[in-house]
Amino acid sequence: MLIEGFELEILTPPCEPGGERFFAKAHLGVDISGVLPYLNGVLSGASFTPAANALTWQRDGHMVAFHALEIDISDIKSREWAEEEVNRLVDLVNSTWDRREDLTPSFESPQRLTPMAVYERLPQTNCGECSESTCFNFALKLVASLRDLRDCLPVYEPENAENLAALQAALDAASPSRG
């Protein structure tokens, strides 16, 4: 067992003094850095940043951040809920640590898809068929998940097949739940 206990702290984000949103910080008392690459390998949609020694993951609408000595959870409902959730996360960390011999660690960090990278693969006709004024505006909204690639009809023309395949792969890699 890696984590044997924690101290829970409930905080109001500094940008919202007096606000109704809170976050929880579980001080672990033990360094969990060694398990982060294993968690990255098993948690769908996790994002590991080796330089910051941190792993972020979205769970049930809450952002969870695993750091060397703490676990943070955003938008908590209550202290009781936070305690239950931290206990589930501690169990996850401990079970992952216990199974590490059978797991493959992942040091990969997903690359963010940029509007410029999308724009470079679009036909760049500014045709307006997608109802955007420019292809770059379409790229901005596509990266923000406000538009769908299917809205760009010219990218489906045969001469754009290579760019279409690259765009679909990049969008799928950037957002596994998208595809």
N, C-alpha and C. Protein backbone atom coordinates (compact mmCIF):
# COMPACT_ATOMS: atom_id res chain seq x y z
N MET A 1 0.85 -1.18 0.00
CA MET A 1 0.00 0.00 0.00
C MET A 1 0.89 1.23 0.00
N LEU A 2 0.56 2.15 -0.88
CA LEU A 2 1.35 3.36 -1.02
C LEU A 2 0.84 4.46 -0.09
N ILE A 3 -0.46 4.74 -0.16
CA ILE A 3 -1.06 5.79 0.67
C ILE A 3 -1.79 5.14 1.84
N GLU A 4 -1.43 5.54 3.03
CA GLU A 4 -2.08 4.96 4.21
C GLU A 4 -3.11 5.91 4.82
N GLY A 5 -3.02 7.18 4.50
CA GLY A 5 -3.97 8.13 5.04
C GLY A 5 -3.78 9.48 4.38
N PHE A 6 -4.65 10.42 4.72
CA PHE A 6 -4.56 11.76 4.14
C PHE A 6 -5.22 12.75 5.09
N GLU A 7 -4.86 14.01 4.88
CA GLU A 7 -5.50 15.10 5.61
C GLU A 7 -6.25 15.93 4.58
N LEU A 8 -7.54 16.11 4.80
CA LEU A 8 -8.38 16.79 3.83
C LEU A 8 -8.54 18.27 4.17
N GLU A 9 -8.38 19.10 3.15
CA GLU A 9 -8.55 20.54 3.29
C GLU A 9 -9.57 20.98 2.24
N ILE A 10 -10.57 21.74 2.67
CA ILE A 10 -11.59 22.27 1.76
C ILE A 10 -11.31 23.76 1.58
N LEU A 11 -11.23 24.19 0.33
CA LEU A 11 -10.86 25.58 0.03
C LEU A 11 -11.84 26.23 -0.94
N THR A 12 -11.91 27.55 -0.87
CA THR A 12 -12.62 28.34 -1.86
C THR A 12 -11.58 28.85 -2.83
N PRO A 13 -11.81 28.70 -4.13
CA PRO A 13 -10.82 29.21 -5.08
C PRO A 13 -10.53 30.69 -4.83
N PRO A 14 -9.26 31.10 -4.90
CA PRO A 14 -8.91 32.49 -4.62
C PRO A 14 -9.60 33.48 -5.56
N CYS A 15 -9.99 33.02 -6.73
CA CYS A 15 -10.65 33.92 -7.68
C CYS A 15 -12.14 34.09 -7.36
N GLU A 16 -12.65 33.32 -6.39
CA GLU A 16 -14.07 33.39 -6.03
C GLU A 16 -14.28 33.51 -4.53
N PRO A 17 -13.71 34.51 -3.86
CA PRO A 17 -13.94 34.61 -2.43
C PRO A 17 -15.43 34.77 -2.15
N GLY A 18 -15.93 33.99 -1.20
CA GLY A 18 -17.36 34.04 -0.88
C GLY A 18 -18.21 33.27 -1.86
N GLY A 19 -17.59 32.60 -2.82
CA GLY A 19 -18.33 31.84 -3.82
C GLY A 19 -18.89 30.56 -3.26
N GLU A 20 -19.71 29.91 -4.05
CA GLU A 20 -20.33 28.66 -3.62
C GLU A 20 -19.61 27.44 -4.14
N ARG A 21 -18.55 27.63 -4.88
CA ARG A 21 -17.77 26.51 -5.39
C ARG A 21 -16.57 26.30 -4.50
N PHE A 22 -16.26 25.05 -4.26
CA PHE A 22 -15.14 24.71 -3.40
C PHE A 22 -14.30 23.64 -4.09
N PHE A 23 -13.07 23.50 -3.59
CA PHE A 23 -12.27 22.38 -4.05
C PHE A 23 -11.60 21.74 -2.85
N ALA A 24 -11.22 20.49 -3.04
CA ALA A 24 -10.62 19.72 -1.95
C ALA A 24 -9.16 19.45 -2.28
N LYS A 25 -8.37 19.47 -1.24
CA LYS A 25 -6.95 19.16 -1.36
C LYS A 25 -6.66 18.09 -0.31
N ALA A 26 -6.26 16.92 -0.77
CA ALA A 26 -5.91 15.82 0.14
C ALA A 26 -4.39 15.78 0.26
N HIS A 27 -3.89 16.12 1.44
CA HIS A 27 -2.45 16.06 1.72
C HIS A 27 -2.14 14.61 2.09
N LEU A 28 -1.24 13.99 1.32
CA LEU A 28 -1.03 12.55 1.43
C LEU A 28 0.04 12.12 2.43
N GLY A 29 1.03 12.94 2.63
CA GLY A 29 2.10 12.56 3.54
C GLY A 29 3.08 11.54 2.96
N VAL A 30 2.89 11.19 1.70
CA VAL A 30 3.79 10.26 1.02
C VAL A 30 3.87 10.71 -0.45
N ASP A 31 5.03 10.52 -1.05
CA ASP A 31 5.24 10.92 -2.44
C ASP A 31 4.70 9.85 -3.38
N ILE A 32 3.72 10.21 -4.20
CA ILE A 32 3.12 9.25 -5.13
C ILE A 32 3.63 9.43 -6.57
N SER A 33 4.72 10.14 -6.73
CA SER A 33 5.26 10.38 -8.08
C SER A 33 5.43 9.10 -8.88
N GLY A 34 5.86 8.04 -8.23
CA GLY A 34 6.13 6.79 -8.93
C GLY A 34 4.92 6.14 -9.55
N VAL A 35 3.73 6.42 -9.04
CA VAL A 35 2.52 5.79 -9.58
C VAL A 35 1.91 6.60 -10.73
N LEU A 36 2.30 7.86 -10.88
CA LEU A 36 1.68 8.72 -11.89
C LEU A 36 1.78 8.16 -13.32
N PRO A 37 2.94 7.65 -13.76
CA PRO A 37 2.99 7.07 -15.11
C PRO A 37 2.09 5.84 -15.27
N TYR A 38 1.90 5.08 -14.20
CA TYR A 38 1.02 3.91 -14.26
C TYR A 38 -0.44 4.35 -14.35
N LEU A 39 -0.80 5.38 -13.56
CA LEU A 39 -2.15 5.93 -13.65
C LEU A 39 -2.40 6.47 -15.05
N ASN A 40 -1.40 7.14 -15.61
CA ASN A 40 -1.51 7.68 -16.96
C ASN A 40 -1.78 6.57 -17.98
N GLY A 41 -1.22 5.40 -17.73
CA GLY A 41 -1.42 4.27 -18.63
C GLY A 41 -2.77 3.61 -18.50
N VAL A 42 -3.43 3.76 -17.34
CA VAL A 42 -4.70 3.06 -17.13
C VAL A 42 -5.93 3.95 -17.14
N LEU A 43 -5.77 5.24 -16.93
CA LEU A 43 -6.92 6.14 -16.86
C LEU A 43 -7.21 6.75 -18.23
N SER A 44 -8.35 6.46 -18.77
CA SER A 44 -8.76 7.00 -20.06
C SER A 44 -8.94 8.51 -19.94
N GLY A 45 -8.29 9.24 -20.84
CA GLY A 45 -8.43 10.69 -20.86
C GLY A 45 -7.53 11.43 -19.89
N ALA A 46 -6.66 10.71 -19.19
CA ALA A 46 -5.73 11.38 -18.27
C ALA A 46 -4.68 12.14 -19.06
N SER A 47 -4.12 13.16 -18.43
CA SER A 47 -3.09 13.97 -19.07
C SER A 47 -1.91 14.10 -18.10
N PHE A 48 -0.81 13.46 -18.45
CA PHE A 48 0.38 13.45 -17.60
C PHE A 48 1.34 14.52 -18.09
N THR A 49 1.83 15.32 -17.17
CA THR A 49 2.82 16.34 -17.49
C THR A 49 4.07 16.03 -16.67
N PRO A 50 5.01 15.27 -17.25
CA PRO A 50 6.20 14.87 -16.50
C PRO A 50 6.99 16.04 -15.92
N ALA A 51 7.11 17.13 -16.66
CA ALA A 51 7.89 18.28 -16.17
C ALA A 51 7.30 18.86 -14.89
N ALA A 52 5.98 18.79 -14.76
CA ALA A 52 5.32 19.31 -13.56
C ALA A 52 5.06 18.20 -12.54
N ASN A 53 5.39 16.96 -12.91
CA ASN A 53 5.14 15.82 -12.06
C ASN A 53 3.68 15.81 -11.60
N ALA A 54 2.78 15.93 -12.58
CA ALA A 54 1.35 16.01 -12.28
C ALA A 54 0.55 15.25 -13.34
N LEU A 55 -0.57 14.73 -12.90
CA LEU A 55 -1.49 14.04 -13.79
C LEU A 55 -2.88 14.59 -13.53
N THR A 56 -3.57 15.01 -14.58
CA THR A 56 -4.93 15.50 -14.43
C THR A 56 -5.87 14.53 -15.12
N TRP A 57 -7.09 14.48 -14.59
CA TRP A 57 -8.07 13.53 -15.08
C TRP A 57 -9.45 14.05 -14.74
N GLN A 58 -10.37 13.94 -15.66
CA GLN A 58 -11.73 14.36 -15.39
C GLN A 58 -12.54 13.15 -14.98
N ARG A 59 -13.23 13.29 -13.86
CA ARG A 59 -14.04 12.18 -13.32
C ARG A 59 -15.38 12.73 -12.90
N ASP A 60 -16.44 12.25 -13.51
CA ASP A 60 -17.80 12.65 -13.14
C ASP A 60 -17.97 14.16 -13.07
N GLY A 61 -17.40 14.88 -14.03
CA GLY A 61 -17.55 16.33 -14.09
C GLY A 61 -16.64 17.11 -13.17
N HIS A 62 -15.75 16.43 -12.48
CA HIS A 62 -14.81 17.08 -11.58
C HIS A 62 -13.40 16.89 -12.11
N MET A 63 -12.58 17.92 -12.02
CA MET A 63 -11.19 17.79 -12.41
C MET A 63 -10.42 17.26 -11.21
N VAL A 64 -9.65 16.23 -11.44
CA VAL A 64 -8.80 15.63 -10.41
C VAL A 64 -7.36 15.84 -10.82
N ALA A 65 -6.55 16.32 -9.91
CA ALA A 65 -5.13 16.53 -10.19
C ALA A 65 -4.32 15.75 -9.15
N PHE A 66 -3.50 14.84 -9.64
CA PHE A 66 -2.60 14.06 -8.79
C PHE A 66 -1.24 14.74 -8.83
N HIS A 67 -0.73 15.10 -7.68
CA HIS A 67 0.60 15.69 -7.55
C HIS A 67 1.44 14.77 -6.66
N ALA A 68 2.70 15.07 -6.52
CA ALA A 68 3.60 14.22 -5.74
C ALA A 68 3.07 13.96 -4.33
N LEU A 69 2.58 14.99 -3.67
CA LEU A 69 2.19 14.86 -2.26
C LEU A 69 0.72 15.16 -1.98
N GLU A 70 -0.07 15.36 -3.04
CA GLU A 70 -1.48 15.68 -2.81
C GLU A 70 -2.34 15.30 -4.01
N ILE A 71 -3.64 15.23 -3.73
CA ILE A 71 -4.65 15.04 -4.76
C ILE A 71 -5.65 16.18 -4.60
N ASP A 72 -5.93 16.88 -5.71
CA ASP A 72 -6.87 17.99 -5.70
C ASP A 72 -8.11 17.60 -6.51
N ILE A 73 -9.29 18.06 -6.05
CA ILE A 73 -10.54 17.80 -6.75
C ILE A 73 -11.31 19.11 -6.84
N SER A 74 -11.77 19.45 -8.04
CA SER A 74 -12.52 20.69 -8.25
C SER A 74 -14.01 20.46 -8.03
N ASP A 75 -14.71 21.56 -7.81
CA ASP A 75 -16.18 21.59 -7.74
C ASP A 75 -16.77 20.51 -6.83
N ILE A 76 -16.33 20.49 -5.61
CA ILE A 76 -16.85 19.48 -4.69
C ILE A 76 -18.23 19.89 -4.17
N LYS A 77 -19.00 18.91 -3.79
CA LYS A 77 -20.36 19.13 -3.33
C LYS A 77 -20.44 19.38 -1.83
N SER A 78 -19.64 18.65 -1.08
CA SER A 78 -19.66 18.77 0.38
C SER A 78 -18.40 18.11 0.92
N ARG A 79 -18.11 18.34 2.18
CA ARG A 79 -16.95 17.71 2.80
C ARG A 79 -17.11 16.19 2.79
N GLU A 80 -18.31 15.72 3.08
CA GLU A 80 -18.55 14.27 3.10
C GLU A 80 -18.31 13.67 1.73
N TRP A 81 -18.83 14.34 0.69
CA TRP A 81 -18.62 13.85 -0.68
C TRP A 81 -17.13 13.83 -0.99
N ALA A 82 -16.42 14.89 -0.61
CA ALA A 82 -14.98 14.98 -0.88
C ALA A 82 -14.23 13.85 -0.19
N GLU A 83 -14.59 13.55 1.05
CA GLU A 83 -13.93 12.45 1.77
C GLU A 83 -14.16 11.13 1.06
N GLU A 84 -15.41 10.88 0.62
CA GLU A 84 -15.71 9.64 -0.10
C GLU A 84 -14.93 9.57 -1.41
N GLU A 85 -14.89 10.69 -2.13
CA GLU A 85 -14.19 10.71 -3.42
C GLU A 85 -12.68 10.52 -3.23
N VAL A 86 -12.11 11.18 -2.24
CA VAL A 86 -10.67 11.01 -1.99
C VAL A 86 -10.39 9.57 -1.60
N ASN A 87 -11.25 8.96 -0.81
CA ASN A 87 -11.05 7.55 -0.47
C ASN A 87 -11.08 6.67 -1.71
N ARG A 88 -11.99 6.95 -2.66
CA ARG A 88 -12.02 6.18 -3.91
C ARG A 88 -10.73 6.40 -4.71
N LEU A 89 -10.26 7.65 -4.74
CA LEU A 89 -9.03 7.95 -5.49
C LEU A 89 -7.81 7.32 -4.83
N VAL A 90 -7.77 7.33 -3.51
CA VAL A 90 -6.67 6.67 -2.78
C VAL A 90 -6.69 5.18 -3.09
N ASP A 91 -7.89 4.56 -3.10
CA ASP A 91 -7.99 3.14 -3.45
C ASP A 91 -7.48 2.90 -4.87
N LEU A 92 -7.81 3.82 -5.79
CA LEU A 92 -7.35 3.71 -7.17
C LEU A 92 -5.82 3.78 -7.24
N VAL A 93 -5.24 4.75 -6.54
CA VAL A 93 -3.78 4.89 -6.52
C VAL A 93 -3.14 3.64 -5.93
N ASN A 94 -3.66 3.19 -4.80
CA ASN A 94 -3.08 2.02 -4.14
C ASN A 94 -3.21 0.75 -4.99
N SER A 95 -4.37 0.54 -5.60
CA SER A 95 -4.53 -0.67 -6.42
C SER A 95 -3.65 -0.61 -7.67
N THR A 96 -3.51 0.59 -8.24
CA THR A 96 -2.63 0.75 -9.39
C THR A 96 -1.18 0.47 -8.98
N TRP A 97 -0.78 0.99 -7.86
CA TRP A 97 0.58 0.77 -7.35
C TRP A 97 0.82 -0.71 -7.11
N ASP A 98 -0.17 -1.39 -6.51
CA ASP A 98 -0.03 -2.81 -6.21
C ASP A 98 0.06 -3.66 -7.49
N ARG A 99 -0.55 -3.19 -8.58
CA ARG A 99 -0.56 -3.94 -9.84
C ARG A 99 0.53 -3.48 -10.80
N ARG A 100 1.41 -2.60 -10.38
CA ARG A 100 2.37 -1.98 -11.31
C ARG A 100 3.24 -2.98 -12.05
N GLU A 101 3.48 -4.14 -11.47
CA GLU A 101 4.29 -5.17 -12.15
C GLU A 101 3.60 -5.65 -13.42
N ASP A 102 2.27 -5.58 -13.44
CA ASP A 102 1.50 -6.07 -14.58
C ASP A 102 1.08 -4.95 -15.53
N LEU A 103 1.43 -3.71 -15.21
CA LEU A 103 1.01 -2.56 -16.00
C LEU A 103 2.18 -1.96 -16.76
N THR A 104 1.86 -1.25 -17.81
CA THR A 104 2.87 -0.55 -18.59
C THR A 104 2.75 0.94 -18.27
N PRO A 105 3.79 1.53 -17.71
CA PRO A 105 3.71 2.97 -17.44
C PRO A 105 3.71 3.76 -18.74
N SER A 106 3.06 4.90 -18.72
CA SER A 106 3.03 5.77 -19.89
C SER A 106 3.55 7.14 -19.49
N PHE A 107 4.58 7.58 -20.17
CA PHE A 107 5.15 8.89 -19.92
C PHE A 107 4.70 9.88 -20.99
N GLU A 108 3.75 9.44 -21.81
CA GLU A 108 3.24 10.27 -22.89
C GLU A 108 2.38 11.39 -22.34
N SER A 109 2.48 12.52 -22.96
CA SER A 109 1.64 13.66 -22.62
C SER A 109 0.91 14.06 -23.88
N PRO A 110 -0.43 14.05 -23.86
CA PRO A 110 -1.14 14.37 -25.09
C PRO A 110 -0.83 15.79 -25.55
N GLN A 111 -0.68 15.91 -26.84
CA GLN A 111 -0.42 17.23 -27.42
C GLN A 111 -1.75 17.92 -27.67
N ARG A 112 -1.81 19.17 -27.31
CA ARG A 112 -3.02 19.93 -27.57
C ARG A 112 -3.13 20.23 -29.05
N LEU A 113 -4.32 20.07 -29.55
CA LEU A 113 -4.60 20.37 -30.93
C LEU A 113 -4.81 21.88 -31.04
N THR A 114 -4.05 22.52 -31.88
CA THR A 114 -4.15 23.98 -32.00
C THR A 114 -5.01 24.35 -33.21
N PRO A 115 -5.66 25.50 -33.15
CA PRO A 115 -6.43 25.95 -34.31
C PRO A 115 -5.57 26.06 -35.57
N MET A 116 -4.32 26.49 -35.43
CA MET A 116 -3.46 26.62 -36.60
C MET A 116 -3.17 25.26 -37.23
N ALA A 117 -2.96 24.24 -36.41
CA ALA A 117 -2.71 22.90 -36.94
C ALA A 117 -3.93 22.39 -37.71
N VAL A 118 -5.13 22.69 -37.20
CA VAL A 118 -6.36 22.31 -37.90
C VAL A 118 -6.49 23.11 -39.19
N TYR A 119 -6.30 24.41 -39.09
CA TYR A 119 -6.43 25.30 -40.25
C TYR A 119 -5.52 24.85 -41.40
N GLU A 120 -4.30 24.45 -41.07
CA GLU A 120 -3.35 24.03 -42.10
C GLU A 120 -3.82 22.80 -42.86
N ARG A 121 -4.72 22.00 -42.26
CA ARG A 121 -5.24 20.80 -42.92
C ARG A 121 -6.59 21.04 -43.60
N LEU A 122 -7.21 22.18 -43.34
CA LEU A 122 -8.48 22.51 -44.00
C LEU A 122 -8.21 22.99 -45.42
N PRO A 123 -9.22 22.95 -46.29
CA PRO A 123 -9.03 23.39 -47.68
C PRO A 123 -8.66 24.87 -47.82
N GLN A 124 -8.95 25.68 -46.83
CA GLN A 124 -8.62 27.11 -46.81
C GLN A 124 -9.26 27.86 -47.98
N THR A 125 -10.51 27.52 -48.26
CA THR A 125 -11.23 28.19 -49.34
C THR A 125 -12.06 29.37 -48.85
N ASN A 126 -12.30 29.43 -47.54
CA ASN A 126 -13.18 30.47 -46.96
C ASN A 126 -14.52 30.52 -47.70
N CYS A 127 -15.05 29.35 -48.05
CA CYS A 127 -16.26 29.25 -48.86
C CYS A 127 -17.53 29.61 -48.10
N GLY A 128 -17.50 29.48 -46.79
CA GLY A 128 -18.67 29.81 -45.99
C GLY A 128 -19.72 28.71 -45.91
N GLU A 129 -19.47 27.56 -46.53
CA GLU A 129 -20.46 26.47 -46.50
C GLU A 129 -20.72 25.97 -45.07
N CYS A 130 -19.78 26.20 -44.19
CA CYS A 130 -19.92 25.78 -42.78
C CYS A 130 -20.61 26.87 -41.96
N SER A 131 -20.92 27.99 -42.58
CA SER A 131 -21.54 29.17 -41.98
C SER A 131 -20.56 30.02 -41.17
N GLU A 132 -19.28 29.72 -41.26
CA GLU A 132 -18.25 30.56 -40.65
C GLU A 132 -17.67 31.47 -41.73
N SER A 133 -17.20 32.64 -41.32
CA SER A 133 -16.69 33.60 -42.30
C SER A 133 -15.35 33.18 -42.90
N THR A 134 -14.56 32.44 -42.13
CA THR A 134 -13.26 31.98 -42.64
C THR A 134 -12.99 30.56 -42.16
N CYS A 135 -12.07 29.91 -42.83
CA CYS A 135 -11.66 28.57 -42.40
C CYS A 135 -10.97 28.62 -41.04
N PHE A 136 -10.27 29.72 -40.76
CA PHE A 136 -9.62 29.82 -39.45
C PHE A 136 -10.66 29.92 -38.34
N ASN A 137 -11.75 30.66 -38.56
CA ASN A 137 -12.82 30.72 -37.56
C ASN A 137 -13.40 29.33 -37.33
N PHE A 138 -13.56 28.57 -38.42
CA PHE A 138 -14.05 27.20 -38.30
C PHE A 138 -13.07 26.37 -37.48
N ALA A 139 -11.79 26.52 -37.74
CA ALA A 139 -10.76 25.77 -37.00
C ALA A 139 -10.82 26.11 -35.51
N LEU A 140 -10.98 27.38 -35.18
CA LEU A 140 -11.09 27.79 -33.77
C LEU A 140 -12.25 27.08 -33.09
N LYS A 141 -13.39 27.05 -33.75
CA LYS A 141 -14.57 26.43 -33.16
C LYS A 141 -14.48 24.91 -33.15
N LEU A 142 -13.81 24.35 -34.14
CA LEU A 142 -13.63 22.90 -34.18
C LEU A 142 -12.77 22.44 -33.01
N VAL A 143 -11.69 23.14 -32.74
CA VAL A 143 -10.80 22.79 -31.63
C VAL A 143 -11.52 22.95 -30.29
N ALA A 144 -12.42 23.90 -30.20
CA ALA A 144 -13.19 24.13 -28.97
C ALA A 144 -14.41 23.22 -28.88
N SER A 145 -14.56 22.29 -29.82
CA SER A 145 -15.69 21.35 -29.87
C SER A 145 -17.03 22.06 -30.05
N LEU A 146 -17.00 23.23 -30.68
CA LEU A 146 -18.23 23.96 -30.96
C LEU A 146 -18.75 23.67 -32.36
N ARG A 147 -17.93 23.04 -33.16
CA ARG A 147 -18.30 22.65 -34.53
C ARG A 147 -17.84 21.21 -34.74
N ASP A 148 -18.37 20.60 -35.78
CA ASP A 148 -18.03 19.23 -36.13
C ASP A 148 -17.32 19.24 -37.48
N LEU A 149 -16.35 18.38 -37.65
CA LEU A 149 -15.61 18.33 -38.91
C LEU A 149 -16.55 18.11 -40.10
N ARG A 150 -17.66 17.40 -39.87
CA ARG A 150 -18.62 17.13 -40.96
C ARG A 150 -19.25 18.41 -41.50
N ASP A 151 -19.13 19.52 -40.76
CA ASP A 151 -19.68 20.79 -41.22
C ASP A 151 -18.86 21.39 -42.37
N CYS A 152 -17.65 20.91 -42.56
CA CYS A 152 -16.78 21.41 -43.64
C CYS A 152 -16.87 20.44 -44.81
N LEU A 153 -17.75 20.75 -45.76
CA LEU A 153 -17.95 19.85 -46.90
C LEU A 153 -16.74 19.74 -47.81
N PRO A 154 -16.02 20.84 -48.10
CA PRO A 154 -14.87 20.73 -49.00
C PRO A 154 -13.77 19.77 -48.53
N VAL A 155 -13.63 19.58 -47.22
CA VAL A 155 -12.57 18.69 -46.74
C VAL A 155 -12.86 17.24 -47.14
N TYR A 156 -14.11 16.93 -47.50
CA TYR A 156 -14.49 15.57 -47.89
C TYR A 156 -14.33 15.32 -49.39
N GLU A 157 -13.89 16.31 -50.12
CA GLU A 157 -13.66 16.12 -51.55
C GLU A 157 -12.41 15.25 -51.74
N PRO A 158 -12.38 14.43 -52.79
CA PRO A 158 -11.30 13.45 -52.99
C PRO A 158 -9.89 14.04 -52.90
N GLU A 159 -9.69 15.23 -53.42
CA GLU A 159 -8.34 15.81 -53.39
C GLU A 159 -7.87 16.16 -51.97
N ASN A 160 -8.79 16.15 -51.01
CA ASN A 160 -8.43 16.47 -49.62
C ASN A 160 -8.39 15.23 -48.72
N ALA A 161 -8.38 14.04 -49.32
CA ALA A 161 -8.46 12.80 -48.55
C ALA A 161 -7.34 12.67 -47.51
N GLU A 162 -6.14 13.03 -47.89
CA GLU A 162 -5.00 12.92 -46.96
C GLU A 162 -5.18 13.87 -45.77
N ASN A 163 -5.58 15.11 -46.05
CA ASN A 163 -5.81 16.07 -44.96
C ASN A 163 -6.98 15.65 -44.09
N LEU A 164 -8.03 15.10 -44.69
CA LEU A 164 -9.18 14.62 -43.93
C LEU A 164 -8.76 13.53 -42.95
N ALA A 165 -8.00 12.57 -43.44
CA ALA A 165 -7.55 11.48 -42.57
C ALA A 165 -6.69 12.01 -41.43
N ALA A 166 -5.81 12.95 -41.72
CA ALA A 166 -4.95 13.54 -40.68
C ALA A 166 -5.78 14.32 -39.67
N LEU A 167 -6.77 15.06 -40.14
CA LEU A 167 -7.63 15.82 -39.23
C LEU A 167 -8.44 14.90 -38.33
N GLN A 168 -9.01 13.86 -38.90
CA GLN A 168 -9.80 12.92 -38.10
C GLN A 168 -8.93 12.25 -37.04
N ALA A 169 -7.73 11.85 -37.41
CA ALA A 169 -6.83 11.22 -36.45
C ALA A 169 -6.43 12.20 -35.36
N ALA A 170 -6.13 13.44 -35.72
CA ALA A 170 -5.74 14.44 -34.73
C ALA A 170 -6.89 14.78 -33.78
N LEU A 171 -8.09 14.90 -34.32
CA LEU A 171 -9.25 15.19 -33.47
C LEU A 171 -9.56 14.02 -32.54
N ASP A 172 -9.45 12.80 -33.04
CA ASP A 172 -9.67 11.62 -32.19
C ASP A 172 -8.64 11.52 -31.09
N ALA A 173 -7.38 11.81 -31.41
CA ALA A 173 -6.31 11.75 -30.41
C ALA A 173 -6.46 12.83 -29.36
N ALA A 174 -6.93 13.99 -29.78
CA ALA A 174 -7.08 15.11 -28.84
C ALA A 174 -8.26 14.93 -27.92
N SER A 175 -9.24 14.19 -28.34
CA SER A 175 -10.45 14.00 -27.54
C SER A 175 -11.00 12.61 -27.78
N PRO A 176 -10.55 11.62 -26.98
CA PRO A 176 -10.99 10.24 -27.19
C PRO A 176 -12.50 10.06 -27.17
N SER A 177 -13.23 10.91 -26.46
CA SER A 177 -14.68 10.76 -26.40
C SER A 177 -15.36 11.33 -27.63
N ARG A 178 -14.60 12.02 -28.47
CA ARG A 178 -15.16 12.68 -29.65
C ARG A 178 -15.62 11.65 -30.69
N GLY A 179 -14.79 10.61 -30.92
CA GLY A 179 -15.02 9.71 -32.01
C GLY A 179 -16.09 8.74 -31.77
